[in-house]
Amino acid sequence: MVRIEVYTDTAGKIHGFAAKGHSGFAPHGQDIVCAAVSVLLQTAILGLEEVAGIVPQTKIADGQLECYLTLEQAGRPEVGVIMRTMLVGLKAIEAEYGDYVSVRLSST
């Protein structure tokens, strides 16, 4: 299962996420659930870099993708739009493939 934790501040602004695991929906290279999650997370990072002009702190390894922003960066309107759009997409995948994907909000 892919477990995604989305980090928010007390105002609900997203300032990072950590995704770990593989969905197990299909064999490696054919797993549309893993691919969908990966595309959303990587597109969010690209959006932060290319649209918002922010270079987030990231960690990428097999079955792991993490992204962290400062609270100041997370407070920017364009960052909020990028991160909320990512969350909407992740929640939609979870709604359809809940046996393979878990999305949890964590207030820090």
N, C-alpha and C. Protein backbone atom coordinates (compact mmCIF):
# COMPACT_ATOMS: atom_id res chain seq x y z
N MET A 1 0.84 -1.19 0.00
CA MET A 1 0.00 0.00 0.00
C MET A 1 0.88 1.24 0.00
N VAL A 2 0.46 2.26 -0.74
CA VAL A 2 1.12 3.56 -0.70
C VAL A 2 0.46 4.35 0.42
N ARG A 3 1.27 4.78 1.36
CA ARG A 3 0.77 5.60 2.48
C ARG A 3 1.33 7.01 2.31
N ILE A 4 0.40 7.96 2.24
CA ILE A 4 0.79 9.35 2.02
C ILE A 4 0.33 10.17 3.22
N GLU A 5 1.27 10.86 3.80
CA GLU A 5 0.95 11.78 4.89
C GLU A 5 1.16 13.19 4.38
N VAL A 6 0.12 14.01 4.49
CA VAL A 6 0.17 15.39 4.04
C VAL A 6 0.21 16.27 5.28
N TYR A 7 1.24 17.08 5.38
CA TYR A 7 1.46 17.90 6.57
C TYR A 7 0.85 19.29 6.40
N THR A 8 0.05 19.69 7.39
CA THR A 8 -0.58 21.01 7.38
C THR A 8 -0.22 21.76 8.66
N ASP A 9 -0.31 23.09 8.57
CA ASP A 9 -0.13 23.88 9.78
C ASP A 9 -1.50 24.07 10.44
N THR A 10 -1.54 24.83 11.51
CA THR A 10 -2.80 24.99 12.24
C THR A 10 -3.87 25.72 11.43
N ALA A 11 -3.45 26.46 10.41
CA ALA A 11 -4.41 27.16 9.54
C ALA A 11 -4.85 26.28 8.37
N GLY A 12 -4.31 25.06 8.27
CA GLY A 12 -4.68 24.15 7.20
C GLY A 12 -3.85 24.27 5.95
N LYS A 13 -2.80 25.10 5.97
CA LYS A 13 -1.93 25.23 4.80
C LYS A 13 -0.99 24.03 4.72
N ILE A 14 -0.89 23.45 3.54
CA ILE A 14 -0.03 22.29 3.34
C ILE A 14 1.42 22.74 3.22
N HIS A 15 2.29 22.15 4.05
CA HIS A 15 3.70 22.51 3.98
C HIS A 15 4.60 21.30 3.70
N GLY A 16 3.99 20.18 3.29
CA GLY A 16 4.80 19.05 2.89
C GLY A 16 4.02 17.76 2.80
N PHE A 17 4.70 16.74 2.33
CA PHE A 17 4.10 15.41 2.27
C PHE A 17 5.20 14.36 2.27
N ALA A 18 4.82 13.17 2.66
CA ALA A 18 5.71 12.01 2.61
C ALA A 18 4.90 10.83 2.10
N ALA A 19 5.38 10.19 1.05
CA ALA A 19 4.73 9.00 0.48
C ALA A 19 5.70 7.84 0.57
N LYS A 20 5.18 6.71 1.04
CA LYS A 20 6.02 5.53 1.19
C LYS A 20 5.27 4.29 0.74
N GLY A 21 6.00 3.38 0.13
CA GLY A 21 5.44 2.09 -0.23
C GLY A 21 5.07 1.98 -1.69
N HIS A 22 4.62 0.80 -2.04
CA HIS A 22 4.13 0.49 -3.38
C HIS A 22 2.69 0.01 -3.25
N SER A 23 1.87 0.29 -4.21
CA SER A 23 0.45 -0.04 -4.07
C SER A 23 0.17 -1.53 -4.12
N GLY A 24 0.90 -2.26 -4.94
CA GLY A 24 0.63 -3.69 -5.08
C GLY A 24 -0.58 -3.98 -5.95
N PHE A 25 -1.07 -2.97 -6.65
CA PHE A 25 -2.24 -3.15 -7.52
C PHE A 25 -1.92 -4.05 -8.71
N ALA A 26 -0.71 -3.91 -9.25
CA ALA A 26 -0.29 -4.69 -10.41
C ALA A 26 1.23 -4.85 -10.35
N PRO A 27 1.79 -5.71 -11.19
CA PRO A 27 3.25 -5.89 -11.21
C PRO A 27 3.97 -4.58 -11.52
N HIS A 28 5.20 -4.50 -11.04
CA HIS A 28 6.06 -3.34 -11.29
C HIS A 28 6.09 -3.06 -12.81
N GLY A 29 5.92 -1.80 -13.15
CA GLY A 29 5.91 -1.40 -14.55
C GLY A 29 4.52 -1.42 -15.18
N GLN A 30 3.56 -1.99 -14.47
CA GLN A 30 2.19 -2.05 -14.98
C GLN A 30 1.19 -1.48 -13.96
N ASP A 31 1.70 -0.94 -12.88
CA ASP A 31 0.86 -0.51 -11.76
C ASP A 31 0.35 0.91 -11.99
N ILE A 32 -0.91 1.01 -12.44
CA ILE A 32 -1.49 2.32 -12.74
C ILE A 32 -1.75 3.14 -11.48
N VAL A 33 -1.95 2.48 -10.35
CA VAL A 33 -2.19 3.22 -9.10
C VAL A 33 -0.91 3.89 -8.65
N CYS A 34 0.19 3.15 -8.63
CA CYS A 34 1.48 3.76 -8.28
C CYS A 34 1.83 4.88 -9.26
N ALA A 35 1.57 4.64 -10.52
CA ALA A 35 1.89 5.65 -11.54
C ALA A 35 1.07 6.92 -11.31
N ALA A 36 -0.20 6.77 -11.00
CA ALA A 36 -1.06 7.94 -10.78
C ALA A 36 -0.59 8.76 -9.58
N VAL A 37 -0.29 8.07 -8.49
CA VAL A 37 0.20 8.76 -7.29
C VAL A 37 1.51 9.45 -7.59
N SER A 38 2.41 8.76 -8.24
CA SER A 38 3.72 9.31 -8.56
C SER A 38 3.60 10.56 -9.43
N VAL A 39 2.74 10.51 -10.43
CA VAL A 39 2.55 11.66 -11.32
C VAL A 39 2.03 12.87 -10.54
N LEU A 40 1.06 12.65 -9.67
CA LEU A 40 0.52 13.77 -8.89
C LEU A 40 1.59 14.40 -7.99
N LEU A 41 2.32 13.57 -7.28
CA LEU A 41 3.33 14.08 -6.36
C LEU A 41 4.47 14.78 -7.10
N GLN A 42 4.94 14.17 -8.17
CA GLN A 42 6.03 14.78 -8.93
C GLN A 42 5.58 16.06 -9.64
N THR A 43 4.34 16.09 -10.10
CA THR A 43 3.82 17.30 -10.74
C THR A 43 3.68 18.43 -9.72
N ALA A 44 3.30 18.10 -8.50
CA ALA A 44 3.24 19.12 -7.45
C ALA A 44 4.62 19.73 -7.23
N ILE A 45 5.64 18.88 -7.16
CA ILE A 45 7.01 19.39 -6.98
C ILE A 45 7.42 20.25 -8.17
N LEU A 46 7.13 19.79 -9.38
CA LEU A 46 7.44 20.59 -10.57
C LEU A 46 6.69 21.92 -10.56
N GLY A 47 5.44 21.90 -10.14
CA GLY A 47 4.66 23.13 -10.04
C GLY A 47 5.26 24.10 -9.04
N LEU A 48 5.70 23.57 -7.91
CA LEU A 48 6.35 24.43 -6.92
C LEU A 48 7.59 25.08 -7.51
N GLU A 49 8.36 24.29 -8.25
CA GLU A 49 9.60 24.81 -8.83
C GLU A 49 9.35 25.76 -10.00
N GLU A 50 8.52 25.33 -10.94
CA GLU A 50 8.35 26.08 -12.19
C GLU A 50 7.32 27.21 -12.11
N VAL A 51 6.26 27.01 -11.35
CA VAL A 51 5.20 28.02 -11.26
C VAL A 51 5.44 28.97 -10.09
N ALA A 52 5.74 28.39 -8.93
CA ALA A 52 5.91 29.22 -7.73
C ALA A 52 7.35 29.69 -7.53
N GLY A 53 8.28 29.10 -8.27
CA GLY A 53 9.68 29.52 -8.14
C GLY A 53 10.32 29.10 -6.83
N ILE A 54 9.85 28.00 -6.27
CA ILE A 54 10.35 27.50 -4.98
C ILE A 54 11.07 26.19 -5.23
N VAL A 55 12.20 26.01 -4.59
CA VAL A 55 12.88 24.72 -4.63
C VAL A 55 12.65 24.06 -3.26
N PRO A 56 11.70 23.11 -3.21
CA PRO A 56 11.41 22.48 -1.92
C PRO A 56 12.51 21.49 -1.55
N GLN A 57 12.56 21.18 -0.27
CA GLN A 57 13.46 20.13 0.19
C GLN A 57 12.79 18.80 -0.16
N THR A 58 13.48 17.94 -0.89
CA THR A 58 12.89 16.67 -1.31
C THR A 58 13.82 15.51 -0.98
N LYS A 59 13.19 14.35 -0.88
CA LYS A 59 13.92 13.10 -0.71
C LYS A 59 13.24 12.08 -1.60
N ILE A 60 14.01 11.48 -2.50
CA ILE A 60 13.45 10.52 -3.44
C ILE A 60 14.27 9.25 -3.38
N ALA A 61 13.59 8.14 -3.19
CA ALA A 61 14.20 6.81 -3.19
C ALA A 61 13.15 5.83 -3.68
N ASP A 62 13.53 4.59 -3.87
CA ASP A 62 12.58 3.58 -4.32
C ASP A 62 11.44 3.47 -3.31
N GLY A 63 10.23 3.71 -3.78
CA GLY A 63 9.06 3.61 -2.91
C GLY A 63 8.93 4.73 -1.90
N GLN A 64 9.62 5.84 -2.14
CA GLN A 64 9.58 6.94 -1.18
C GLN A 64 9.75 8.28 -1.90
N LEU A 65 8.89 9.22 -1.56
CA LEU A 65 9.00 10.58 -2.07
C LEU A 65 8.53 11.53 -0.99
N GLU A 66 9.41 12.44 -0.59
CA GLU A 66 9.08 13.41 0.44
C GLU A 66 9.35 14.81 -0.09
N CYS A 67 8.55 15.75 0.39
CA CYS A 67 8.66 17.14 -0.03
C CYS A 67 8.31 18.03 1.17
N TYR A 68 9.18 18.99 1.46
CA TYR A 68 8.97 19.87 2.60
C TYR A 68 9.19 21.33 2.20
N LEU A 69 8.31 22.18 2.72
CA LEU A 69 8.40 23.62 2.50
C LEU A 69 8.53 24.32 3.85
N THR A 70 9.06 25.54 3.82
CA THR A 70 9.01 26.34 5.03
C THR A 70 7.58 26.84 5.21
N LEU A 71 7.22 27.24 6.40
CA LEU A 71 5.87 27.77 6.62
C LEU A 71 5.66 29.05 5.83
N GLU A 72 6.71 29.82 5.65
CA GLU A 72 6.61 31.04 4.84
C GLU A 72 6.28 30.69 3.38
N GLN A 73 6.97 29.71 2.82
CA GLN A 73 6.69 29.27 1.45
C GLN A 73 5.26 28.73 1.34
N ALA A 74 4.85 27.94 2.31
CA ALA A 74 3.51 27.33 2.29
C ALA A 74 2.41 28.38 2.33
N GLY A 75 2.71 29.56 2.85
CA GLY A 75 1.72 30.62 2.95
C GLY A 75 1.46 31.37 1.66
N ARG A 76 2.26 31.13 0.65
CA ARG A 76 2.07 31.82 -0.63
C ARG A 76 0.84 31.26 -1.34
N PRO A 77 -0.01 32.13 -1.90
CA PRO A 77 -1.25 31.67 -2.53
C PRO A 77 -1.05 30.63 -3.63
N GLU A 78 -0.06 30.82 -4.50
CA GLU A 78 0.15 29.87 -5.58
C GLU A 78 0.59 28.51 -5.06
N VAL A 79 1.31 28.51 -3.97
CA VAL A 79 1.72 27.24 -3.35
C VAL A 79 0.49 26.52 -2.81
N GLY A 80 -0.40 27.26 -2.18
CA GLY A 80 -1.63 26.67 -1.68
C GLY A 80 -2.45 26.02 -2.78
N VAL A 81 -2.54 26.67 -3.92
CA VAL A 81 -3.31 26.12 -5.04
C VAL A 81 -2.66 24.83 -5.54
N ILE A 82 -1.36 24.83 -5.69
CA ILE A 82 -0.65 23.64 -6.18
C ILE A 82 -0.84 22.48 -5.20
N MET A 83 -0.64 22.74 -3.92
CA MET A 83 -0.71 21.66 -2.93
C MET A 83 -2.14 21.17 -2.72
N ARG A 84 -3.10 22.05 -2.74
CA ARG A 84 -4.51 21.63 -2.59
C ARG A 84 -4.96 20.82 -3.80
N THR A 85 -4.52 21.21 -4.98
CA THR A 85 -4.86 20.46 -6.19
C THR A 85 -4.28 19.05 -6.10
N MET A 86 -3.04 18.94 -5.64
CA MET A 86 -2.42 17.63 -5.42
C MET A 86 -3.26 16.80 -4.47
N LEU A 87 -3.69 17.41 -3.36
CA LEU A 87 -4.48 16.69 -2.36
C LEU A 87 -5.81 16.22 -2.92
N VAL A 88 -6.47 17.05 -3.70
CA VAL A 88 -7.74 16.66 -4.33
C VAL A 88 -7.53 15.42 -5.21
N GLY A 89 -6.46 15.42 -5.99
CA GLY A 89 -6.16 14.28 -6.84
C GLY A 89 -5.86 13.02 -6.04
N LEU A 90 -5.08 13.16 -4.98
CA LEU A 90 -4.76 12.01 -4.13
C LEU A 90 -6.00 11.44 -3.47
N LYS A 91 -6.88 12.32 -2.98
CA LYS A 91 -8.11 11.85 -2.34
C LYS A 91 -9.01 11.14 -3.34
N ALA A 92 -9.01 11.58 -4.60
CA ALA A 92 -9.80 10.91 -5.63
C ALA A 92 -9.26 9.51 -5.89
N ILE A 93 -7.94 9.37 -5.93
CA ILE A 93 -7.35 8.04 -6.11
C ILE A 93 -7.68 7.16 -4.92
N GLU A 94 -7.57 7.72 -3.73
CA GLU A 94 -7.89 6.95 -2.52
C GLU A 94 -9.35 6.49 -2.54
N ALA A 95 -10.25 7.35 -2.99
CA ALA A 95 -11.67 6.99 -3.04
C ALA A 95 -11.92 5.81 -3.98
N GLU A 96 -11.16 5.74 -5.05
CA GLU A 96 -11.34 4.67 -6.04
C GLU A 96 -10.53 3.41 -5.71
N TYR A 97 -9.36 3.61 -5.11
CA TYR A 97 -8.42 2.50 -4.87
C TYR A 97 -7.97 2.47 -3.41
N GLY A 98 -8.91 2.57 -2.50
CA GLY A 98 -8.62 2.64 -1.07
C GLY A 98 -7.90 1.44 -0.50
N ASP A 99 -7.95 0.31 -1.18
CA ASP A 99 -7.20 -0.86 -0.72
C ASP A 99 -5.72 -0.74 -1.03
N TYR A 100 -5.35 0.24 -1.85
CA TYR A 100 -3.98 0.38 -2.33
C TYR A 100 -3.33 1.71 -1.97
N VAL A 101 -4.14 2.70 -1.59
CA VAL A 101 -3.65 4.04 -1.31
C VAL A 101 -4.32 4.57 -0.05
N SER A 102 -3.53 5.15 0.83
CA SER A 102 -4.05 5.79 2.04
C SER A 102 -3.50 7.21 2.12
N VAL A 103 -4.39 8.18 2.29
CA VAL A 103 -3.99 9.58 2.40
C VAL A 103 -4.43 10.07 3.78
N ARG A 104 -3.47 10.61 4.52
CA ARG A 104 -3.77 11.09 5.87
C ARG A 104 -3.25 12.52 6.05
N LEU A 105 -4.10 13.38 6.59
CA LEU A 105 -3.67 14.73 6.92
C LEU A 105 -3.09 14.73 8.32
N SER A 106 -2.00 15.44 8.50
CA SER A 106 -1.34 15.50 9.79
C SER A 106 -1.03 16.96 10.11
N SER A 107 -1.63 17.47 11.15
CA SER A 107 -1.39 18.85 11.55
C SER A 107 -0.15 18.92 12.42
N THR A 108 0.80 19.78 12.00
CA THR A 108 2.04 19.91 12.76
C THR A 108 2.29 21.35 13.15
